[in-house]
Structures are given as C-alpha cells and as structure tokens.
C-alpha cells in the first residue's frame, strides 16, 4: 500500500477498514522530536520536485533505523484515541511488526 493511500484511509475511512489488517509501507526514515518515535516517509509530487511535500506515518514498536534509510514497514494501523483530531494535523500511526532495510526505489516519489 502506498503511504498516501494509508494516510487517506486512516484519516478518511469512516468504516475504519484498516482495523486489524496488516499493511506494508515503503519509505525513508525521518526522526521525530519525541523519544521512541519516528516516521516512514514518502514525498508526493503535485507537479514537479520543487513542490514535493512529505507524507509521514508514525512508526511505533520498532527501533529507529538510521535517518534517510529506505525501509519496508509491516504492521497494523493504530486508530486515533479521539475522533476530534482535525484531519491532516497528526500523522497516522502504525504498530510495527517488522522493519526491513531496502534499496531506494527507482521512483522515490508517490
């Protein structure tokens, strides 16, 4: 599943179809300011590289690989504790089952 699809379903799927489903996300590691937290990230393009913006998913339950390492994260969605979080203000979370380093993809953008 793309990081963008995961984010869209985590924020916008009223039926919460991600619940209990194992997903695999591919992206690069970005450290978070909070301890024991990091992001699997992909850049999304609207037109060109100059307008790229990050799509981030918080990874829980796994040690952080070195920053900028490409990884494949397998895990399950962690539903937000509140339905009152404004969409897009907090990255969705995934509980990692495994984190495997990979080669950077030939197409790094989504």
PDB file of N, CA and C in Angstrom:
ATOM      1  N   UNK A   1       0.856  -1.169   0.000  1.00  0.00           N
ATOM      2  CA  UNK A   1       0.000   0.000   0.000  1.00  0.00           C
ATOM      3  C   UNK A   1       0.905   1.236   0.000  1.00  0.00           C
ATOM      4  N   UNK A   2       0.523   2.244  -0.752  1.00  0.00           N
ATOM      5  CA  UNK A   2       1.322   3.468  -0.724  1.00  0.00           C
ATOM      6  C   UNK A   2       1.104   4.194   0.601  1.00  0.00           C
ATOM      7  N   UNK A   3       2.060   5.018   0.969  1.00  0.00           N
ATOM      8  CA  UNK A   3       1.919   5.806   2.195  1.00  0.00           C
ATOM      9  C   UNK A   3       0.718   6.739   2.060  1.00  0.00           C
ATOM     10  N   UNK A   4       0.543   7.333   0.883  1.00  0.00           N
ATOM     11  CA  UNK A   4      -0.593   8.221   0.658  1.00  0.00           C
ATOM     12  C   UNK A   4      -1.937   7.528   0.821  1.00  0.00           C
ATOM     13  N   UNK A   5      -2.064   6.303   0.301  1.00  0.00           N
ATOM     14  CA  UNK A   5      -3.310   5.555   0.459  1.00  0.00           C
ATOM     15  C   UNK A   5      -3.563   5.233   1.934  1.00  0.00           C
ATOM     16  N   UNK A   6      -2.500   4.836   2.640  1.00  0.00           N
ATOM     17  CA  UNK A   6      -2.631   4.535   4.069  1.00  0.00           C
ATOM     18  C   UNK A   6      -3.142   5.769   4.820  1.00  0.00           C
ATOM     19  N   UNK A   7      -2.539   6.915   4.551  1.00  0.00           N
ATOM     20  CA  UNK A   7      -2.946   8.152   5.231  1.00  0.00           C
ATOM     21  C   UNK A   7      -4.400   8.481   4.902  1.00  0.00           C
ATOM     22  N   UNK A   8      -4.767   8.381   3.646  1.00  0.00           N
ATOM     23  CA  UNK A   8      -6.143   8.680   3.247  1.00  0.00           C
ATOM     24  C   UNK A   8      -7.151   7.790   3.937  1.00  0.00           C
ATOM     25  N   UNK A   9      -6.841   6.504   4.015  1.00  0.00           N
ATOM     26  CA  UNK A   9      -7.766   5.571   4.670  1.00  0.00           C
ATOM     27  C   UNK A   9      -7.757   5.752   6.180  1.00  0.00           C
ATOM     28  N   UNK A  10      -6.594   6.045   6.765  1.00  0.00           N
ATOM     29  CA  UNK A  10      -6.511   6.242   8.218  1.00  0.00           C
ATOM     30  C   UNK A  10      -7.313   7.471   8.644  1.00  0.00           C
ATOM     31  N   UNK A  11      -7.279   8.529   7.855  1.00  0.00           N
ATOM     32  CA  UNK A  11      -7.979   9.761   8.209  1.00  0.00           C
ATOM     33  C   UNK A  11      -9.412   9.801   7.717  1.00  0.00           C
ATOM     34  N   UNK A  12      -9.682   9.201   6.556  1.00  0.00           N
ATOM     35  CA  UNK A  12     -10.955   9.475   5.924  1.00  0.00           C
ATOM     36  C   UNK A  12     -11.931   8.319   5.789  1.00  0.00           C
ATOM     37  N   UNK A  13     -11.574   7.144   6.239  1.00  0.00           N
ATOM     38  CA  UNK A  13     -12.446   5.976   6.076  1.00  0.00           C
ATOM     39  C   UNK A  13     -13.325   5.806   7.312  1.00  0.00           C
ATOM     40  N   UNK A  14     -14.558   6.234   7.200  1.00  0.00           N
ATOM     41  CA  UNK A  14     -15.480   6.147   8.347  1.00  0.00           C
ATOM     42  C   UNK A  14     -15.742   4.701   8.770  1.00  0.00           C
ATOM     43  N   UNK A  15     -15.560   3.750   7.849  1.00  0.00           N
ATOM     44  CA  UNK A  15     -15.764   2.327   8.177  1.00  0.00           C
ATOM     45  C   UNK A  15     -14.532   1.703   8.834  1.00  0.00           C
ATOM     46  N   UNK A  16     -13.424   2.453   8.891  1.00  0.00           N
ATOM     47  CA  UNK A  16     -12.180   2.006   9.537  1.00  0.00           C
ATOM     48  C   UNK A  16     -11.736   0.628   9.034  1.00  0.00           C
ATOM     49  N   UNK A  17     -11.682   0.487   7.711  1.00  0.00           N
ATOM     50  CA  UNK A  17     -11.341  -0.807   7.100  1.00  0.00           C
ATOM     51  C   UNK A  17      -9.885  -1.211   7.318  1.00  0.00           C
ATOM     52  N   UNK A  18      -9.044  -0.318   7.819  1.00  0.00           N
ATOM     53  CA  UNK A  18      -7.664  -0.697   8.143  1.00  0.00           C
ATOM     54  C   UNK A  18      -7.565  -1.467   9.457  1.00  0.00           C
ATOM     55  N   UNK A  19      -8.589  -1.403  10.273  1.00  0.00           N
ATOM     56  CA  UNK A  19      -8.556  -2.024  11.596  1.00  0.00           C
ATOM     57  C   UNK A  19      -8.206  -3.509  11.509  1.00  0.00           C
ATOM     58  N   UNK A  20      -7.129  -3.890  12.205  1.00  0.00           N
ATOM     59  CA  UNK A  20      -6.715  -5.282  12.288  1.00  0.00           C
ATOM     60  C   UNK A  20      -6.054  -5.839  11.040  1.00  0.00           C
ATOM     61  N   UNK A  21      -5.909  -5.049  10.005  1.00  0.00           N
ATOM     62  CA  UNK A  21      -5.298  -5.528   8.762  1.00  0.00           C
ATOM     63  C   UNK A  21      -3.812  -5.220   8.748  1.00  0.00           C
ATOM     64  N   UNK A  22      -3.046  -6.189   8.327  1.00  0.00           N
ATOM     65  CA  UNK A  22      -1.602  -5.999   8.202  1.00  0.00           C
ATOM     66  C   UNK A  22      -1.314  -5.296   6.867  1.00  0.00           C
ATOM     67  N   UNK A  23      -0.515  -4.238   6.941  1.00  0.00           N
ATOM     68  CA  UNK A  23      -0.147  -3.487   5.743  1.00  0.00           C
ATOM     69  C   UNK A  23       1.371  -3.379   5.661  1.00  0.00           C
ATOM     70  N   UNK A  24       1.848  -3.073   4.461  1.00  0.00           N
ATOM     71  CA  UNK A  24       3.289  -2.891   4.246  1.00  0.00           C
ATOM     72  C   UNK A  24       3.487  -1.527   3.595  1.00  0.00           C
ATOM     73  N   UNK A  25       4.314  -0.690   4.236  1.00  0.00           N
ATOM     74  CA  UNK A  25       4.608   0.649   3.734  1.00  0.00           C
ATOM     75  C   UNK A  25       6.092   0.753   3.406  1.00  0.00           C
ATOM     76  N   UNK A  26       6.400   1.419   2.310  1.00  0.00           N
ATOM     77  CA  UNK A  26       7.785   1.623   1.903  1.00  0.00           C
ATOM     78  C   UNK A  26       8.080   3.114   1.909  1.00  0.00           C
ATOM     79  N   UNK A  27       9.197   3.484   2.541  1.00  0.00           N
ATOM     80  CA  UNK A  27       9.587   4.882   2.582  1.00  0.00           C
ATOM     81  C   UNK A  27      10.936   5.032   3.252  1.00  0.00           C
ATOM     82  N   UNK A  28      11.318   6.280   3.486  1.00  0.00           N
ATOM     83  CA  UNK A  28      12.591   6.528   4.152  1.00  0.00           C
ATOM     84  C   UNK A  28      12.346   7.014   5.576  1.00  0.00           C
ATOM     85  N   UNK A  29      13.339   6.815   6.415  1.00  0.00           N
ATOM     86  CA  UNK A  29      13.237   7.100   7.843  1.00  0.00           C
ATOM     87  C   UNK A  29      13.481   8.586   8.115  1.00  0.00           C
ATOM     88  N   UNK A  30      12.567   9.177   8.866  1.00  0.00           N
ATOM     89  CA  UNK A  30      12.717  10.552   9.341  1.00  0.00           C
ATOM     90  C   UNK A  30      12.551  10.524  10.859  1.00  0.00           C
ATOM     91  N   UNK A  31      13.562  11.003  11.602  1.00  0.00           N
ATOM     92  CA  UNK A  31      13.449  11.028  13.064  1.00  0.00           C
ATOM     93  C   UNK A  31      12.337  11.986  13.514  1.00  0.00           C
ATOM     94  N   UNK A  32      11.720  11.668  14.630  1.00  0.00           N
ATOM     95  CA  UNK A  32      10.719  12.541  15.247  1.00  0.00           C
ATOM     96  C   UNK A  32      11.344  13.222  16.455  1.00  0.00           C
ATOM     97  N   UNK A  33      10.734  14.303  16.888  1.00  0.00           N
ATOM     98  CA  UNK A  33      11.241  15.015  18.068  1.00  0.00           C
ATOM     99  C   UNK A  33      10.965  14.242  19.350  1.00  0.00           C
ATOM    100  N   UNK A  34       9.857  13.461  19.349  1.00  0.00           N
ATOM    101  CA  UNK A  34       9.512  12.683  20.541  1.00  0.00           C
ATOM    102  C   UNK A  34      10.359  11.428  20.616  1.00  0.00           C
ATOM    103  N   UNK A  35      10.725  11.063  21.827  1.00  0.00           N
ATOM    104  CA  UNK A  35      11.512   9.858  22.068  1.00  0.00           C
ATOM    105  C   UNK A  35      10.710   8.613  21.673  1.00  0.00           C
ATOM    106  N   UNK A  36      11.397   7.601  21.159  1.00  0.00           N
ATOM    107  CA  UNK A  36      10.785   6.324  20.763  1.00  0.00           C
ATOM    108  C   UNK A  36       9.747   6.481  19.654  1.00  0.00           C
ATOM    109  N   UNK A  37       9.981   7.454  18.781  1.00  0.00           N
ATOM    110  CA  UNK A  37       9.039   7.701  17.698  1.00  0.00           C
ATOM    111  C   UNK A  37       9.820   8.123  16.457  1.00  0.00           C
ATOM    112  N   UNK A  38       9.401   7.635  15.296  1.00  0.00           N
ATOM    113  CA  UNK A  38       9.997   8.043  14.029  1.00  0.00           C
ATOM    114  C   UNK A  38       8.953   7.871  12.934  1.00  0.00           C
ATOM    115  N   UNK A  39       9.278   8.348  11.734  1.00  0.00           N
ATOM    116  CA  UNK A  39       8.325   8.315  10.634  1.00  0.00           C
ATOM    117  C   UNK A  39       8.858   7.524   9.451  1.00  0.00           C
ATOM    118  N   UNK A  40       7.973   6.778   8.797  1.00  0.00           N
ATOM    119  CA  UNK A  40       8.251   6.255   7.470  1.00  0.00           C
ATOM    120  C   UNK A  40       7.612   7.282   6.530  1.00  0.00           C
ATOM    121  N   UNK A  41       8.392   7.755   5.565  1.00  0.00           N
ATOM    122  CA  UNK A  41       8.025   8.941   4.798  1.00  0.00           C
ATOM    123  C   UNK A  41       8.201   8.733   3.304  1.00  0.00           C
ATOM    124  N   UNK A  42       7.319   9.311   2.530  1.00  0.00           N
ATOM    125  CA  UNK A  42       7.466   9.396   1.076  1.00  0.00           C
ATOM    126  C   UNK A  42       7.150  10.826   0.679  1.00  0.00           C
ATOM    127  N   UNK A  43       7.766  11.273  -0.378  1.00  0.00           N
ATOM    128  CA  UNK A  43       7.486  12.605  -0.899  1.00  0.00           C
ATOM    129  C   UNK A  43       6.440  12.466  -2.004  1.00  0.00           C
ATOM    130  N   UNK A  44       5.450  13.351  -1.984  1.00  0.00           N
ATOM    131  CA  UNK A  44       4.418  13.344  -3.016  1.00  0.00           C
ATOM    132  C   UNK A  44       4.587  14.569  -3.899  1.00  0.00           C
ATOM    133  N   UNK A  45       4.458  14.355  -5.183  1.00  0.00           N
ATOM    134  CA  UNK A  45       4.574  15.442  -6.160  1.00  0.00           C
ATOM    135  C   UNK A  45       3.197  15.868  -6.629  1.00  0.00           C
ATOM    136  N   UNK A  46       3.021  17.175  -6.792  1.00  0.00           N
ATOM    137  CA  UNK A  46       1.816  17.673  -7.446  1.00  0.00           C
ATOM    138  C   UNK A  46       2.154  17.971  -8.906  1.00  0.00           C
ATOM    139  N   UNK A  47       3.306  18.572  -9.117  1.00  0.00           N
ATOM    140  CA  UNK A  47       3.715  18.946 -10.467  1.00  0.00           C
ATOM    141  C   UNK A  47       5.166  18.543 -10.725  1.00  0.00           C
ATOM    142  N   UNK A  48       6.067  18.994  -9.839  1.00  0.00           N
ATOM    143  CA  UNK A  48       7.498  18.728 -10.019  1.00  0.00           C
ATOM    144  C   UNK A  48       8.171  18.642  -8.646  1.00  0.00           C
ATOM    145  N   UNK A  49       9.450  18.301  -8.635  1.00  0.00           N
ATOM    146  CA  UNK A  49      10.172  18.112  -7.369  1.00  0.00           C
ATOM    147  C   UNK A  49      10.148  19.362  -6.495  1.00  0.00           C
ATOM    148  N   UNK A  50      10.036  20.527  -7.096  1.00  0.00           N
ATOM    149  CA  UNK A  50      10.037  21.774  -6.321  1.00  0.00           C
ATOM    150  C   UNK A  50       8.808  21.900  -5.429  1.00  0.00           C
ATOM    151  N   UNK A  51       7.710  21.230  -5.783  1.00  0.00           N
ATOM    152  CA  UNK A  51       6.506  21.341  -4.959  1.00  0.00           C
ATOM    153  C   UNK A  51       6.226  20.069  -4.154  1.00  0.00           C
ATOM    154  N   UNK A  52       7.223  19.202  -4.031  1.00  0.00           N
ATOM    155  CA  UNK A  52       7.053  17.956  -3.276  1.00  0.00           C
ATOM    156  C   UNK A  52       6.799  18.253  -1.797  1.00  0.00           C
ATOM    157  N   UNK A  53       5.971  17.409  -1.177  1.00  0.00           N
ATOM    158  CA  UNK A  53       5.727  17.550   0.257  1.00  0.00           C
ATOM    159  C   UNK A  53       5.724  16.159   0.883  1.00  0.00           C
ATOM    160  N   UNK A  54       6.105  16.071   2.188  1.00  0.00           N
ATOM    161  CA  UNK A  54       6.234  14.760   2.833  1.00  0.00           C
ATOM    162  C   UNK A  54       4.903  14.177   3.276  1.00  0.00           C
ATOM    163  N   UNK A  55       4.770  12.880   3.059  1.00  0.00           N
ATOM    164  CA  UNK A  55       3.673  12.091   3.608  1.00  0.00           C
ATOM    165  C   UNK A  55       4.299  11.231   4.695  1.00  0.00           C
ATOM    166  N   UNK A  56       3.861  11.399   5.945  1.00  0.00           N
ATOM    167  CA  UNK A  56       4.508  10.714   7.068  1.00  0.00           C
ATOM    168  C   UNK A  56       3.526   9.854   7.836  1.00  0.00           C
ATOM    169  N   UNK A  57       4.037   8.687   8.274  1.00  0.00           N
ATOM    170  CA  UNK A  57       3.295   7.802   9.159  1.00  0.00           C
ATOM    171  C   UNK A  57       4.196   7.527  10.360  1.00  0.00           C
ATOM    172  N   UNK A  58       3.682   7.734  11.554  1.00  0.00           N
ATOM    173  CA  UNK A  58       4.431   7.465  12.775  1.00  0.00           C
ATOM    174  C   UNK A  58       4.567   5.964  12.964  1.00  0.00           C
ATOM    175  N   UNK A  59       5.805   5.517  13.224  1.00  0.00           N
ATOM    176  CA  UNK A  59       6.067   4.099  13.461  1.00  0.00           C
ATOM    177  C   UNK A  59       6.248   3.893  14.962  1.00  0.00           C
ATOM    178  N   UNK A  60       5.512   2.966  15.503  1.00  0.00           N
ATOM    179  CA  UNK A  60       5.606   2.621  16.927  1.00  0.00           C
ATOM    180  C   UNK A  60       6.044   1.167  17.059  1.00  0.00           C
ATOM    181  N   UNK A  61       6.749   0.866  18.152  1.00  0.00           N
ATOM    182  CA  UNK A  61       7.089  -0.516  18.473  1.00  0.00           C
ATOM    183  C   UNK A  61       8.296  -1.072  17.754  1.00  0.00           C
ATOM    184  N   UNK A  62       9.114  -0.200  17.154  1.00  0.00           N
ATOM    185  CA  UNK A  62      10.325  -0.655  16.466  1.00  0.00           C
ATOM    186  C   UNK A  62      11.421   0.380  16.661  1.00  0.00           C
ATOM    187  N   UNK A  63      12.639  -0.100  16.821  1.00  0.00           N
ATOM    188  CA  UNK A  63      13.776   0.809  16.918  1.00  0.00           C
ATOM    189  C   UNK A  63      13.944   1.564  15.615  1.00  0.00           C
ATOM    190  N   UNK A  64      14.372   2.803  15.737  1.00  0.00           N
ATOM    191  CA  UNK A  64      14.559   3.651  14.562  1.00  0.00           C
ATOM    192  C   UNK A  64      15.829   3.275  13.812  1.00  0.00           C
ATOM    193  N   UNK A  65      15.730   2.939  12.536  1.00  0.00           N
ATOM    194  CA  UNK A  65      16.931   2.769  11.719  1.00  0.00           C
ATOM    195  C   UNK A  65      17.587   4.144  11.509  1.00  0.00           C
ATOM    196  N   UNK A  66      18.787   4.180  10.947  1.00  0.00           N
ATOM    197  CA  UNK A  66      19.423   5.473  10.681  1.00  0.00           C
ATOM    198  C   UNK A  66      18.542   6.355   9.787  1.00  0.00           C
ATOM    199  N   UNK A  67      18.592   7.658  10.032  1.00  0.00           N
ATOM    200  CA  UNK A  67      17.831   8.615   9.233  1.00  0.00           C
ATOM    201  C   UNK A  67      18.152   8.439   7.759  1.00  0.00           C
ATOM    202  N   UNK A  68      17.155   8.635   6.924  1.00  0.00           N
ATOM    203  CA  UNK A  68      17.239   8.560   5.462  1.00  0.00           C
ATOM    204  C   UNK A  68      17.407   7.145   4.913  1.00  0.00           C
ATOM    205  N   UNK A  69      17.406   6.124   5.778  1.00  0.00           N
ATOM    206  CA  UNK A  69      17.454   4.741   5.320  1.00  0.00           C
ATOM    207  C   UNK A  69      16.095   4.390   4.712  1.00  0.00           C
ATOM    208  N   UNK A  70      16.095   3.717   3.571  1.00  0.00           N
ATOM    209  CA  UNK A  70      14.848   3.223   2.988  1.00  0.00           C
ATOM    210  C   UNK A  70      14.468   1.927   3.680  1.00  0.00           C
ATOM    211  N   UNK A  71      13.186   1.818   4.063  1.00  0.00           N
ATOM    212  CA  UNK A  71      12.709   0.648   4.798  1.00  0.00           C
ATOM    213  C   UNK A  71      11.344   0.209   4.278  1.00  0.00           C
ATOM    214  N   UNK A  72      11.044  -1.032   4.597  1.00  0.00           N
ATOM    215  CA  UNK A  72       9.707  -1.566   4.392  1.00  0.00           C
ATOM    216  C   UNK A  72       9.184  -1.885   5.789  1.00  0.00           C
ATOM    217  N   UNK A  73       8.101  -1.213   6.166  1.00  0.00           N
ATOM    218  CA  UNK A  73       7.499  -1.405   7.488  1.00  0.00           C
ATOM    219  C   UNK A  73       6.228  -2.224   7.317  1.00  0.00           C
ATOM    220  N   UNK A  74       6.159  -3.346   8.015  1.00  0.00           N
ATOM    221  CA  UNK A  74       4.948  -4.160   8.039  1.00  0.00           C
ATOM    222  C   UNK A  74       4.332  -3.998   9.415  1.00  0.00           C
ATOM    223  N   UNK A  75       3.039  -3.735   9.445  1.00  0.00           N
ATOM    224  CA  UNK A  75       2.385  -3.546  10.731  1.00  0.00           C
ATOM    225  C   UNK A  75       0.903  -3.320  10.584  1.00  0.00           C
ATOM    226  N   UNK A  76       0.290  -2.848  11.674  1.00  0.00           N
ATOM    227  CA  UNK A  76      -1.150  -2.592  11.697  1.00  0.00           C
ATOM    228  C   UNK A  76      -1.416  -1.162  12.148  1.00  0.00           C
ATOM    229  N   UNK A  77      -2.470  -0.610  11.599  1.00  0.00           N
ATOM    230  CA  UNK A  77      -2.881   0.754  11.911  1.00  0.00           C
ATOM    231  C   UNK A  77      -3.286   0.869  13.369  1.00  0.00           C
ATOM    232  N   UNK A  78      -2.883   1.968  13.990  1.00  0.00           N
ATOM    233  CA  UNK A  78      -3.313   2.300  15.350  1.00  0.00           C
ATOM    234  C   UNK A  78      -4.375   3.398  15.222  1.00  0.00           C
ATOM    235  N   UNK A  79      -5.640   3.072  15.461  1.00  0.00           N
ATOM    236  CA  UNK A  79      -6.682   4.099  15.356  1.00  0.00           C
ATOM    237  C   UNK A  79      -6.438   5.231  16.360  1.00  0.00           C
ATOM    238  N   UNK A  80      -6.779   6.465  15.995  1.00  0.00           N
ATOM    239  CA  UNK A  80      -6.593   7.568  16.943  1.00  0.00           C
ATOM    240  C   UNK A  80      -7.477   7.395  18.167  1.00  0.00           C
ATOM    241  N   UNK A  81      -7.009   7.921  19.274  1.00  0.00           N
ATOM    242  CA  UNK A  81      -7.751   7.809  20.533  1.00  0.00           C
ATOM    243  C   UNK A  81      -9.010   8.683  20.528  1.00  0.00           C
ATOM    244  N   UNK A  82      -9.024   9.679  19.652  1.00  0.00           N
ATOM    245  CA  UNK A  82     -10.160  10.597  19.586  1.00  0.00           C
ATOM    246  C   UNK A  82     -10.563  10.811  18.133  1.00  0.00           C
ATOM    247  N   UNK A  83     -11.844  10.955  17.896  1.00  0.00           N
ATOM    248  CA  UNK A  83     -12.335  11.287  16.557  1.00  0.00           C
ATOM    249  C   UNK A  83     -12.339  12.793  16.339  1.00  0.00           C
ATOM    250  N   UNK A  84     -11.891  13.552  17.334  1.00  0.00           N
ATOM    251  CA  UNK A  84     -11.917  15.009  17.250  1.00  0.00           C
ATOM    252  C   UNK A  84     -10.601  15.615  16.782  1.00  0.00           C
ATOM    253  N   UNK A  85      -9.649  14.781  16.330  1.00  0.00           N
ATOM    254  CA  UNK A  85      -8.376  15.298  15.829  1.00  0.00           C
ATOM    255  C   UNK A  85      -8.618  15.831  14.414  1.00  0.00           C
ATOM    256  N   UNK A  86      -8.322  17.112  14.159  1.00  0.00           N
ATOM    257  CA  UNK A  86      -8.525  17.639  12.801  1.00  0.00           C
ATOM    258  C   UNK A  86      -7.674  16.873  11.784  1.00  0.00           C
ATOM    259  N   UNK A  87      -8.310  16.472  10.683  1.00  0.00           N
ATOM    260  CA  UNK A  87      -7.619  15.690   9.664  1.00  0.00           C
ATOM    261  C   UNK A  87      -6.379  16.410   9.168  1.00  0.00           C
ATOM    262  N   UNK A  88      -5.309  15.658   9.011  1.00  0.00           N
ATOM    263  CA  UNK A  88      -4.079  16.206   8.464  1.00  0.00           C
ATOM    264  C   UNK A  88      -3.174  16.887   9.465  1.00  0.00           C
ATOM    265  N   UNK A  89      -3.594  16.989  10.726  1.00  0.00           N
ATOM    266  CA  UNK A  89      -2.766  17.688  11.710  1.00  0.00           C
ATOM    267  C   UNK A  89      -1.799  16.766  12.430  1.00  0.00           C
ATOM    268  N   UNK A  90      -2.107  15.480  12.476  1.00  0.00           N
ATOM    269  CA  UNK A  90      -1.274  14.499  13.163  1.00  0.00           C
ATOM    270  C   UNK A  90      -1.093  13.311  12.223  1.00  0.00           C
ATOM    271  N   UNK A  91       0.159  12.871  12.012  1.00  0.00           N
ATOM    272  CA  UNK A  91       0.340  11.703  11.146  1.00  0.00           C
ATOM    273  C   UNK A  91      -0.343  10.474  11.739  1.00  0.00           C
ATOM    274  N   UNK A  92      -0.933   9.629  10.894  1.00  0.00           N
ATOM    275  CA  UNK A  92      -1.477   8.380  11.414  1.00  0.00           C
ATOM    276  C   UNK A  92      -0.345   7.508  11.938  1.00  0.00           C
ATOM    277  N   UNK A  93      -0.686   6.486  12.712  1.00  0.00           N
ATOM    278  CA  UNK A  93       0.315   5.633  13.359  1.00  0.00           C
ATOM    279  C   UNK A  93       0.179   4.188  12.904  1.00  0.00           C
ATOM    280  N   UNK A  94       1.321   3.511  12.879  1.00  0.00           N
ATOM    281  CA  UNK A  94       1.362   2.088  12.572  1.00  0.00           C
ATOM    282  C   UNK A  94       2.151   1.391  13.671  1.00  0.00           C
ATOM    283  N   UNK A  95       1.636   0.256  14.128  1.00  0.00           N
ATOM    284  CA  UNK A  95       2.341  -0.583  15.089  1.00  0.00           C
ATOM    285  C   UNK A  95       3.168  -1.577  14.285  1.00  0.00           C
ATOM    286  N   UNK A  96       4.485  -1.433  14.348  1.00  0.00           N
ATOM    287  CA  UNK A  96       5.373  -2.231  13.503  1.00  0.00           C
ATOM    288  C   UNK A  96       5.461  -3.676  13.973  1.00  0.00           C
ATOM    289  N   UNK A  97       5.357  -4.582  13.020  1.00  0.00           N
ATOM    290  CA  UNK A  97       5.628  -5.992  13.238  1.00  0.00           C
ATOM    291  C   UNK A  97       7.060  -6.273  12.803  1.00  0.00           C
ATOM    292  N   UNK A  98       7.446  -5.641  11.678  1.00  0.00           N
ATOM    293  CA  UNK A  98       8.823  -5.767  11.198  1.00  0.00           C
ATOM    294  C   UNK A  98       9.218  -4.511  10.445  1.00  0.00           C
ATOM    295  N   UNK A  99      10.517  -4.238  10.473  1.00  0.00           N
ATOM    296  CA  UNK A  99      11.106  -3.132   9.725  1.00  0.00           C
ATOM    297  C   UNK A  99      12.340  -3.688   9.039  1.00  0.00           C
ATOM    298  N   UNK A 100      12.325  -3.666   7.712  1.00  0.00           N
ATOM    299  CA  UNK A 100      13.428  -4.225   6.944  1.00  0.00           C
ATOM    300  C   UNK A 100      14.040  -3.163   6.056  1.00  0.00           C
ATOM    301  N   UNK A 101      15.376  -2.998   6.118  1.00  0.00           N
ATOM    302  CA  UNK A 101      16.027  -2.054   5.201  1.00  0.00           C
ATOM    303  C   UNK A 101      15.919  -2.563   3.766  1.00  0.00           C
ATOM    304  N   UNK A 102      15.746  -1.629   2.823  1.00  0.00           N
ATOM    305  CA  UNK A 102      15.654  -1.973   1.412  1.00  0.00           C
ATOM    306  C   UNK A 102      16.490  -0.979   0.600  1.00  0.00           C
ATOM    307  N   UNK A 103      16.685  -1.295  -0.653  1.00  0.00           N
ATOM    308  CA  UNK A 103      17.320  -0.350  -1.568  1.00  0.00           C
ATOM    309  C   UNK A 103      16.312   0.745  -1.907  1.00  0.00           C
ATOM    310  N   UNK A 104      16.815   1.935  -2.124  1.00  0.00           N
ATOM    311  CA  UNK A 104      15.921   3.028  -2.539  1.00  0.00           C
ATOM    312  C   UNK A 104      15.247   2.636  -3.855  1.00  0.00           C
ATOM    313  N   UNK A 105      13.947   2.871  -3.978  1.00  0.00           N
ATOM    314  CA  UNK A 105      13.256   2.509  -5.211  1.00  0.00           C
ATOM    315  C   UNK A 105      13.697   3.385  -6.381  1.00  0.00           C
ATOM    316  N   UNK A 106      13.532   2.872  -7.584  1.00  0.00           N
ATOM    317  CA  UNK A 106      13.910   3.656  -8.764  1.00  0.00           C
ATOM    318  C   UNK A 106      13.044   4.905  -8.889  1.00  0.00           C
ATOM    319  N   UNK A 107      11.812   4.842  -8.383  1.00  0.00           N
ATOM    320  CA  UNK A 107      10.927   6.007  -8.355  1.00  0.00           C
ATOM    321  C   UNK A 107      10.621   6.325  -6.888  1.00  0.00           C
ATOM    322  N   UNK A 108      11.368   7.284  -6.294  1.00  0.00           N
ATOM    323  CA  UNK A 108      11.202   7.553  -4.865  1.00  0.00           C
ATOM    324  C   UNK A 108       9.962   8.382  -4.508  1.00  0.00           C
ATOM    325  N   UNK A 109       9.290   8.962  -5.499  1.00  0.00           N
ATOM    326  CA  UNK A 109       8.132   9.811  -5.224  1.00  0.00           C
ATOM    327  C   UNK A 109       6.838   9.027  -5.361  1.00  0.00           C
ATOM    328  N   UNK A 110       5.808   9.506  -4.682  1.00  0.00           N
ATOM    329  CA  UNK A 110       4.457   8.942  -4.851  1.00  0.00           C
ATOM    330  C   UNK A 110       3.669   9.888  -5.716  1.00  0.00           C
TER     331      UNK A 110
END
